[in-house]
Amino acid sequence: MPSTRRPTPDPDLVQRLRARVRQMESGGLRETMPVHPALAGLVQLHPGSSYRADATSLAVALLAGPSEQGTWTAVVGVDDLGLEAAADLGLDLGRTLLVPDPGEHWAEVTAALLDVTGVLLLRPPGRVDAHTASRIAARLRKRSTTLVVQGDWPQCDAHLSLVRQQWQGLGQGTGHLSARRAEVVVRHGAGPTVRGLVTLPGNEAPRLLSRSGPLQGQPAPALREVG
């Protein structure tokens, strides 16, 4: 007679499933967007959210992840954007709308483009008042679009900074620059700070080399200060 004994469930799996159910019941399970390999593990992109990046390379990298998967993007107010460098980071220029100088109507231009893109990079012309930011945030949530801001912006989900970088390949001054490694700091509001050592376009493919933060306690190697 065949045995009717039931297999014992994996306790770890049961705990993970219970946690997932609690997340879903509380509305805490949020959709995520693709993240560039250099920033994977440092930040998650959520539709309807906003992110601040101090460096243009970081801002473009945030766009590049979804862009490589076919998402339409827009860049507003960045009149010095290097198209070749942006393409090297993975931004699909064929699916990117560029408005280098929106003038005084930048907020209206931004709101209109949020309706037709998945991720938008904005460099505001100056300080942004709370009312304008609130109106754009409401549009973000309604259209499930992600906003990346280079400049002043209140209440971002995460703030990315490029604090140190190092070029490689010069040798004794007779070589060629071949790769760039940088330390990225990500601040999530009142949450813990996350640091990562990343490679940026060069002979090395952009990727995350090491990470320190809530899940990992090893600090990134010391690099030379920028500026």
Protein backbone atom coordinates (compact mmCIF):
# COMPACT_ATOMS: atom_id res chain seq x y z
CA MET A 1 0.00 0.00 0.00
CA PRO A 2 1.56 3.35 -1.03
CA SER A 3 2.53 5.78 1.74
CA THR A 4 0.15 8.71 2.36
CA ARG A 5 2.71 10.72 4.35
CA ARG A 6 2.78 14.34 3.22
CA PRO A 7 6.12 16.06 2.58
CA THR A 8 7.24 18.51 5.26
CA PRO A 9 7.18 22.10 3.94
CA ASP A 10 10.38 24.13 3.99
CA PRO A 11 10.11 26.46 7.06
CA ASP A 12 12.13 29.22 5.33
CA LEU A 13 9.89 29.09 2.28
CA VAL A 14 6.79 29.26 4.45
CA GLN A 15 8.13 32.35 6.24
CA ARG A 16 8.94 34.08 2.94
CA LEU A 17 5.47 33.35 1.57
CA ARG A 18 3.83 34.64 4.73
CA ALA A 19 5.88 37.83 4.57
CA ARG A 20 4.91 38.29 0.92
CA VAL A 21 1.21 37.85 1.74
CA ARG A 22 1.48 40.43 4.56
CA GLN A 23 3.15 42.84 2.12
CA MET A 24 0.37 42.39 -0.42
CA GLU A 25 -2.35 42.81 2.20
CA SER A 26 -0.77 46.05 3.47
CA GLY A 27 -0.22 47.44 -0.03
CA GLY A 28 3.53 47.34 0.46
CA LEU A 29 4.39 45.23 -2.61
CA ARG A 30 5.41 47.79 -5.23
CA GLU A 31 6.14 47.28 -8.88
CA THR A 32 9.76 47.83 -9.85
CA MET A 33 11.46 48.93 -13.07
CA PRO A 34 14.70 47.63 -14.59
CA VAL A 35 17.85 49.09 -13.03
CA HIS A 36 21.17 49.71 -14.75
CA PRO A 37 23.76 47.00 -13.85
CA ALA A 38 26.02 49.61 -12.22
CA LEU A 39 23.23 50.62 -9.82
CA ALA A 40 21.56 47.25 -9.26
CA GLY A 41 21.62 46.50 -5.54
CA LEU A 42 21.93 50.18 -4.64
CA VAL A 43 18.52 51.52 -5.61
CA GLN A 44 15.16 50.28 -6.85
CA LEU A 45 13.06 52.26 -9.31
CA HIS A 46 9.31 52.40 -8.72
CA PRO A 47 6.69 53.86 -11.06
CA GLY A 48 5.12 56.98 -9.57
CA SER A 49 8.25 57.85 -7.57
CA SER A 50 10.96 60.50 -7.87
CA TYR A 51 14.74 60.24 -7.49
CA ARG A 52 17.46 62.86 -7.22
CA ALA A 53 20.89 62.42 -8.82
CA ASP A 54 23.69 64.95 -8.32
CA ALA A 55 25.74 63.83 -11.34
CA THR A 56 24.52 63.66 -14.94
CA SER A 57 26.10 60.21 -15.37
CA LEU A 58 24.04 58.85 -12.46
CA ALA A 59 20.86 60.49 -13.74
CA VAL A 60 21.34 59.01 -17.22
CA ALA A 61 22.16 55.59 -15.73
CA LEU A 62 18.80 55.65 -13.93
CA LEU A 63 17.11 56.22 -17.29
CA ALA A 64 19.25 53.65 -19.09
CA GLY A 65 17.97 50.62 -17.19
CA PRO A 66 14.33 50.97 -18.33
CA SER A 67 15.44 52.38 -21.70
CA GLU A 68 17.41 49.22 -22.55
CA GLN A 69 14.18 47.26 -22.01
CA GLY A 70 12.24 49.40 -24.50
CA THR A 71 10.76 52.08 -22.24
CA TRP A 72 10.37 55.56 -23.74
CA THR A 73 12.27 58.24 -21.84
CA ALA A 74 12.59 62.04 -21.93
CA VAL A 75 15.29 64.51 -20.92
CA VAL A 76 14.15 68.04 -20.08
CA GLY A 77 16.37 71.04 -19.34
CA VAL A 78 19.73 69.25 -19.73
CA ASP A 79 21.28 71.41 -22.46
CA ASP A 80 24.78 69.95 -22.04
CA LEU A 81 23.85 66.28 -22.34
CA GLY A 82 26.55 64.28 -24.12
CA LEU A 83 24.62 62.01 -26.47
CA GLU A 84 27.54 59.68 -27.13
CA ALA A 85 28.22 59.26 -23.41
CA ALA A 86 24.50 58.70 -22.76
CA ALA A 87 24.41 56.01 -25.44
CA ASP A 88 27.50 54.37 -23.91
CA LEU A 89 25.60 54.13 -20.62
CA GLY A 90 22.79 52.30 -22.40
CA LEU A 91 20.28 55.05 -23.15
CA ASP A 92 18.34 54.26 -26.34
CA LEU A 93 18.42 57.61 -28.15
CA GLY A 94 15.85 56.36 -30.64
CA ARG A 95 13.31 56.18 -27.79
CA THR A 96 14.36 59.35 -25.98
CA LEU A 97 12.61 62.73 -26.29
CA LEU A 98 14.98 65.68 -25.82
CA VAL A 99 13.90 69.16 -24.72
CA PRO A 100 17.20 70.92 -23.91
CA ASP A 101 15.67 74.34 -23.17
CA PRO A 102 11.99 74.31 -22.12
CA GLY A 103 12.19 77.91 -20.90
CA GLU A 104 9.83 79.25 -18.27
CA HIS A 105 7.22 76.61 -19.11
CA TRP A 106 9.40 73.72 -17.96
CA ALA A 107 6.77 72.45 -15.50
CA GLU A 108 4.08 72.27 -18.20
CA VAL A 109 6.48 70.56 -20.62
CA THR A 110 7.43 68.05 -17.93
CA ALA A 111 3.80 67.30 -17.07
CA ALA A 112 2.95 66.72 -20.74
CA LEU A 113 5.89 64.35 -21.28
CA LEU A 114 5.00 62.35 -18.18
CA ASP A 115 1.90 61.24 -20.08
CA VAL A 116 3.89 59.59 -22.89
CA THR A 117 7.09 58.30 -21.26
CA GLY A 118 8.04 55.78 -18.60
CA VAL A 119 11.01 57.65 -17.11
CA LEU A 120 11.83 61.35 -17.35
CA LEU A 121 15.02 63.21 -16.44
CA LEU A 122 14.49 66.82 -15.41
CA ARG A 123 16.97 69.56 -14.57
CA PRO A 124 14.85 72.40 -13.12
CA PRO A 125 16.02 75.96 -13.86
CA GLY A 126 16.15 76.83 -10.16
CA ARG A 127 14.58 76.13 -6.81
CA VAL A 128 11.28 74.26 -7.08
CA ASP A 129 8.40 75.34 -4.84
CA ALA A 130 6.36 72.75 -2.95
CA HIS A 131 3.18 73.44 -4.94
CA THR A 132 4.83 72.74 -8.31
CA ALA A 133 6.53 69.61 -6.98
CA SER A 134 3.23 68.39 -5.54
CA ARG A 135 1.40 68.84 -8.86
CA ILE A 136 4.08 66.92 -10.75
CA ALA A 137 4.14 64.19 -8.08
CA ALA A 138 0.39 63.73 -8.51
CA ARG A 139 0.89 63.39 -12.27
CA LEU A 140 3.65 60.83 -11.65
CA ARG A 141 1.36 58.66 -9.55
CA LYS A 142 -1.53 58.97 -12.00
CA ARG A 143 0.59 57.98 -15.01
CA SER A 144 2.88 55.53 -13.17
CA THR A 145 5.91 57.37 -14.53
CA THR A 146 9.30 57.67 -12.80
CA LEU A 147 10.98 61.05 -12.36
CA VAL A 148 14.74 61.56 -12.09
CA VAL A 149 15.79 65.06 -11.04
CA GLN A 150 19.21 66.66 -11.33
CA GLY A 151 18.93 69.62 -9.03
CA ASP A 152 16.63 70.81 -6.26
CA TRP A 153 13.56 68.69 -5.58
CA PRO A 154 11.65 68.04 -2.33
CA GLN A 155 10.70 64.62 -1.01
CA CYS A 156 12.55 62.22 -3.31
CA ASP A 157 12.48 58.48 -2.68
CA ALA A 158 16.27 58.31 -2.96
CA HIS A 159 19.19 60.72 -3.42
CA LEU A 160 22.21 59.46 -5.41
CA SER A 161 25.61 61.16 -5.18
CA LEU A 162 28.93 60.50 -6.92
CA VAL A 163 31.50 61.17 -4.20
CA ARG A 164 34.78 59.73 -5.50
CA GLN A 165 36.05 58.54 -8.83
CA GLN A 166 39.25 57.21 -10.33
CA TRP A 167 40.38 56.82 -13.93
CA GLN A 168 42.52 53.85 -14.86
CA GLY A 169 44.92 53.25 -17.75
CA LEU A 170 47.29 56.22 -17.73
CA GLY A 171 50.20 54.30 -16.18
CA GLN A 172 53.20 56.64 -16.03
CA GLY A 173 51.44 59.22 -18.18
CA THR A 174 51.92 57.51 -21.55
CA GLY A 175 48.84 55.26 -21.58
CA HIS A 176 45.20 55.84 -22.43
CA LEU A 177 42.22 56.25 -20.11
CA SER A 178 40.47 52.89 -20.22
CA ALA A 179 38.04 52.69 -17.32
CA ARG A 180 36.41 54.77 -14.62
CA ARG A 181 35.50 53.52 -11.17
CA ALA A 182 33.37 55.59 -8.85
CA GLU A 183 31.90 55.45 -5.37
CA VAL A 184 28.15 56.09 -5.29
CA VAL A 185 26.24 57.02 -2.14
CA VAL A 186 22.47 56.45 -2.00
CA ARG A 187 20.38 58.01 0.76
CA HIS A 188 16.84 56.78 1.30
CA GLY A 189 15.18 59.48 3.42
CA ALA A 190 15.63 58.58 7.07
CA GLY A 191 16.77 55.07 6.16
CA PRO A 192 20.35 53.77 6.20
CA THR A 193 22.87 55.04 3.65
CA VAL A 194 24.04 52.59 0.97
CA ARG A 195 27.44 52.85 -0.73
CA GLY A 196 28.69 51.07 -3.81
CA LEU A 197 31.81 50.91 -5.94
CA VAL A 198 30.81 50.87 -9.62
CA THR A 199 32.43 50.90 -13.04
CA LEU A 200 31.28 53.42 -15.62
CA PRO A 201 31.67 53.19 -19.43
CA GLY A 202 35.17 52.39 -20.66
CA ASN A 203 36.85 49.10 -21.49
CA GLU A 204 35.02 47.58 -18.52
CA ALA A 205 31.29 46.98 -18.75
CA PRO A 206 29.33 49.15 -16.28
CA ARG A 207 28.57 47.09 -13.18
CA LEU A 208 28.45 47.10 -9.39
CA LEU A 209 31.75 45.90 -7.91
CA SER A 210 31.01 46.08 -4.19
CA ARG A 211 28.34 47.34 -1.84
CA SER A 212 28.05 48.40 1.78
CA GLY A 213 24.87 49.19 3.63
CA PRO A 214 22.04 47.37 5.41
CA LEU A 215 22.89 44.01 3.81
CA GLN A 216 26.65 44.23 3.69
CA GLY A 217 29.13 45.75 6.11
CA GLN A 218 32.28 45.91 4.00
CA PRO A 219 33.16 49.50 3.00
CA ALA A 220 34.10 50.31 -0.58
CA PRO A 221 37.84 50.75 -1.24
CA ALA A 222 39.12 54.29 -0.74
CA LEU A 223 39.33 56.35 -3.91
CA ARG A 224 40.65 59.77 -4.72
CA GLU A 225 38.29 62.67 -3.99
CA VAL A 226 36.74 64.43 -6.99
CA GLY A 227 37.49 68.13 -7.20
